[in-house]
Amino acid sequence: MSTVLFAPEEYLVFHFTLASPEGGIPTQKTESCGIFRSVEEAFSVARMRALKMMIAKTDPVQGDPSQRWAVIATEFGYDVKCEYLVVSRFWVHAKPVLA
């Protein structure tokens, strides 16, 4: 039986959201949330950030608690939804570590 060695990878977490400039067309905004050595750590950070965003949106002081917010797990990371619309995504991306 042969052992297949995989190239080492690092895992990036990206936050995708729509930015609405005043009087302009909404555009996608992408923010890096960090680079991690393990996929478990990357998914954990993505989940924490998604939950933190959802909690802030439902806060009675700063957010709108009358809207239904949810964090949905996907195969790529986590989506933050308001009612039926995806308003933000936290995605994990793997890339090989260059020597």
Foldseek 3Di string as FASTA:
>chain_A
DDDDDDFFKKKWKKKWFWDDDVVDDIDIDIDTPDIGRDPVVLQVSLVVVLVVVQCQQCDPVRHPVVWDWDWDQDPFHIFIDTNHHGGMGIGMDMDGDDD
